[in-house]
Amino acid sequence: MKSVGADPEAPNMQKAREWVISKGGIEASQTMTKFKLAIFWTLPMDTDLVHSFDD
């Protein structure tokens, strides 16, 4: 939603953020999700979270 211009401080975005965090955040997401976030410049490619599947 943020990538299409939604205000990150809007109530619906805050609720979405809280839900993601309650489910374990990006650390608990699948590798493809991390890759897509990196592709859309939401998560740096060099972060350990993207490369965590190598462990």
N, C-alpha and C. Protein backbone atom coordinates (compact mmCIF):
# COMPACT_ATOMS: atom_id res chain seq x y z
N MET A 1 0.83 -1.18 0.00
CA MET A 1 0.00 0.00 0.00
C MET A 1 0.87 1.25 0.00
N LYS A 2 1.95 1.19 0.74
CA LYS A 2 2.85 2.34 0.80
C LYS A 2 3.45 2.63 -0.58
N SER A 3 3.73 1.58 -1.35
CA SER A 3 4.35 1.77 -2.67
C SER A 3 3.44 2.47 -3.66
N VAL A 4 2.14 2.49 -3.40
CA VAL A 4 1.21 3.18 -4.30
C VAL A 4 0.76 4.52 -3.73
N GLY A 5 1.45 4.99 -2.68
CA GLY A 5 1.22 6.33 -2.18
C GLY A 5 0.37 6.45 -0.93
N ALA A 6 0.03 5.35 -0.29
CA ALA A 6 -0.76 5.43 0.95
C ALA A 6 0.09 6.09 2.04
N ASP A 7 -0.55 6.92 2.85
CA ASP A 7 0.12 7.60 3.95
C ASP A 7 0.47 6.60 5.04
N PRO A 8 1.76 6.41 5.33
CA PRO A 8 2.16 5.43 6.35
C PRO A 8 1.62 5.74 7.75
N GLU A 9 1.22 6.98 7.97
CA GLU A 9 0.68 7.37 9.28
C GLU A 9 -0.84 7.28 9.35
N ALA A 10 -1.48 6.91 8.25
CA ALA A 10 -2.94 6.79 8.24
C ALA A 10 -3.37 5.65 9.17
N PRO A 11 -4.56 5.77 9.77
CA PRO A 11 -5.02 4.75 10.72
C PRO A 11 -5.02 3.32 10.14
N ASN A 12 -5.42 3.17 8.88
CA ASN A 12 -5.44 1.82 8.30
C ASN A 12 -4.03 1.27 8.12
N MET A 13 -3.07 2.14 7.82
CA MET A 13 -1.68 1.70 7.68
C MET A 13 -1.08 1.36 9.04
N GLN A 14 -1.44 2.12 10.06
CA GLN A 14 -0.98 1.82 11.42
C GLN A 14 -1.51 0.46 11.86
N LYS A 15 -2.78 0.20 11.55
CA LYS A 15 -3.40 -1.08 11.91
C LYS A 15 -2.71 -2.23 11.16
N ALA A 16 -2.40 -2.02 9.89
CA ALA A 16 -1.71 -3.04 9.10
C ALA A 16 -0.32 -3.30 9.68
N ARG A 17 0.39 -2.24 10.05
CA ARG A 17 1.73 -2.39 10.64
C ARG A 17 1.66 -3.19 11.93
N GLU A 18 0.69 -2.86 12.78
CA GLU A 18 0.54 -3.58 14.05
C GLU A 18 0.25 -5.06 13.81
N TRP A 19 -0.56 -5.37 12.79
CA TRP A 19 -0.89 -6.76 12.49
C TRP A 19 0.37 -7.51 12.04
N VAL A 20 1.14 -6.90 11.15
CA VAL A 20 2.37 -7.55 10.67
C VAL A 20 3.31 -7.82 11.83
N ILE A 21 3.48 -6.84 12.70
CA ILE A 21 4.37 -7.01 13.85
C ILE A 21 3.85 -8.10 14.78
N SER A 22 2.54 -8.18 14.97
CA SER A 22 1.97 -9.20 15.85
C SER A 22 2.18 -10.61 15.31
N LYS A 23 2.41 -10.73 14.00
CA LYS A 23 2.64 -12.03 13.37
C LYS A 23 4.12 -12.36 13.26
N GLY A 24 4.98 -11.54 13.85
CA GLY A 24 6.41 -11.81 13.83
C GLY A 24 7.22 -10.88 12.96
N GLY A 25 6.55 -9.94 12.32
CA GLY A 25 7.24 -8.96 11.50
C GLY A 25 7.92 -9.56 10.28
N ILE A 26 8.80 -8.77 9.70
CA ILE A 26 9.48 -9.23 8.49
C ILE A 26 10.37 -10.44 8.76
N GLU A 27 10.87 -10.55 9.99
CA GLU A 27 11.71 -11.68 10.33
C GLU A 27 10.99 -13.01 10.14
N ALA A 28 9.67 -13.01 10.31
CA ALA A 28 8.88 -14.24 10.18
C ALA A 28 8.33 -14.44 8.77
N SER A 29 8.61 -13.50 7.87
CA SER A 29 8.05 -13.62 6.52
C SER A 29 8.85 -14.60 5.68
N GLN A 30 8.26 -15.01 4.57
CA GLN A 30 8.91 -15.95 3.67
C GLN A 30 9.98 -15.23 2.84
N THR A 31 10.90 -15.99 2.32
CA THR A 31 11.99 -15.44 1.53
C THR A 31 11.48 -14.61 0.36
N MET A 32 10.46 -15.07 -0.35
CA MET A 32 9.94 -14.33 -1.50
C MET A 32 9.38 -12.97 -1.07
N THR A 33 8.76 -12.92 0.10
CA THR A 33 8.25 -11.64 0.61
C THR A 33 9.40 -10.68 0.84
N LYS A 34 10.47 -11.16 1.45
CA LYS A 34 11.64 -10.32 1.70
C LYS A 34 12.24 -9.84 0.38
N PHE A 35 12.30 -10.73 -0.60
CA PHE A 35 12.83 -10.38 -1.91
C PHE A 35 11.99 -9.29 -2.56
N LYS A 36 10.66 -9.44 -2.51
CA LYS A 36 9.78 -8.43 -3.11
C LYS A 36 9.92 -7.09 -2.41
N LEU A 37 10.06 -7.09 -1.10
CA LEU A 37 10.25 -5.84 -0.37
C LEU A 37 11.56 -5.17 -0.80
N ALA A 38 12.59 -5.97 -1.01
CA ALA A 38 13.87 -5.43 -1.46
C ALA A 38 13.76 -4.87 -2.87
N ILE A 39 13.05 -5.55 -3.74
CA ILE A 39 12.87 -5.10 -5.12
C ILE A 39 12.17 -3.74 -5.16
N PHE A 40 11.19 -3.54 -4.30
CA PHE A 40 10.43 -2.29 -4.28
C PHE A 40 11.05 -1.26 -3.34
N TRP A 41 12.33 -1.43 -2.98
CA TRP A 41 13.08 -0.47 -2.18
C TRP A 41 12.48 -0.24 -0.80
N THR A 42 11.82 -1.23 -0.26
CA THR A 42 11.26 -1.13 1.08
C THR A 42 12.24 -1.73 2.09
N LEU A 43 13.06 -2.66 1.62
CA LEU A 43 14.03 -3.34 2.47
C LEU A 43 15.34 -3.39 1.70
N PRO A 44 16.44 -2.92 2.29
CA PRO A 44 17.72 -2.96 1.57
C PRO A 44 18.13 -4.39 1.24
N MET A 45 18.66 -4.60 0.04
CA MET A 45 19.07 -5.93 -0.40
C MET A 45 20.18 -6.51 0.47
N ASP A 46 21.05 -5.66 1.03
CA ASP A 46 22.18 -6.17 1.79
C ASP A 46 21.85 -6.49 3.24
N THR A 47 20.59 -6.39 3.62
CA THR A 47 20.21 -6.67 4.99
C THR A 47 20.28 -8.17 5.29
N ASP A 48 20.55 -8.50 6.53
CA ASP A 48 20.59 -9.91 6.94
C ASP A 48 19.24 -10.57 6.78
N LEU A 49 18.16 -9.81 6.82
CA LEU A 49 16.83 -10.40 6.70
C LEU A 49 16.60 -11.01 5.32
N VAL A 50 17.16 -10.40 4.29
CA VAL A 50 17.01 -10.94 2.94
C VAL A 50 17.84 -12.20 2.79
N HIS A 51 19.01 -12.23 3.41
CA HIS A 51 19.92 -13.36 3.26
C HIS A 51 19.75 -14.40 4.36
N SER A 52 18.75 -14.27 5.19
CA SER A 52 18.60 -15.18 6.32
C SER A 52 18.31 -16.61 5.89
N PHE A 53 17.84 -16.82 4.65
CA PHE A 53 17.56 -18.17 4.19
C PHE A 53 18.85 -18.95 3.95
N ASP A 54 20.00 -18.27 3.93
CA ASP A 54 21.28 -18.94 3.73
C ASP A 54 21.76 -19.65 4.99
N ASP A 55 21.18 -19.33 6.13
CA ASP A 55 21.64 -19.91 7.41
C ASP A 55 21.37 -21.38 7.51
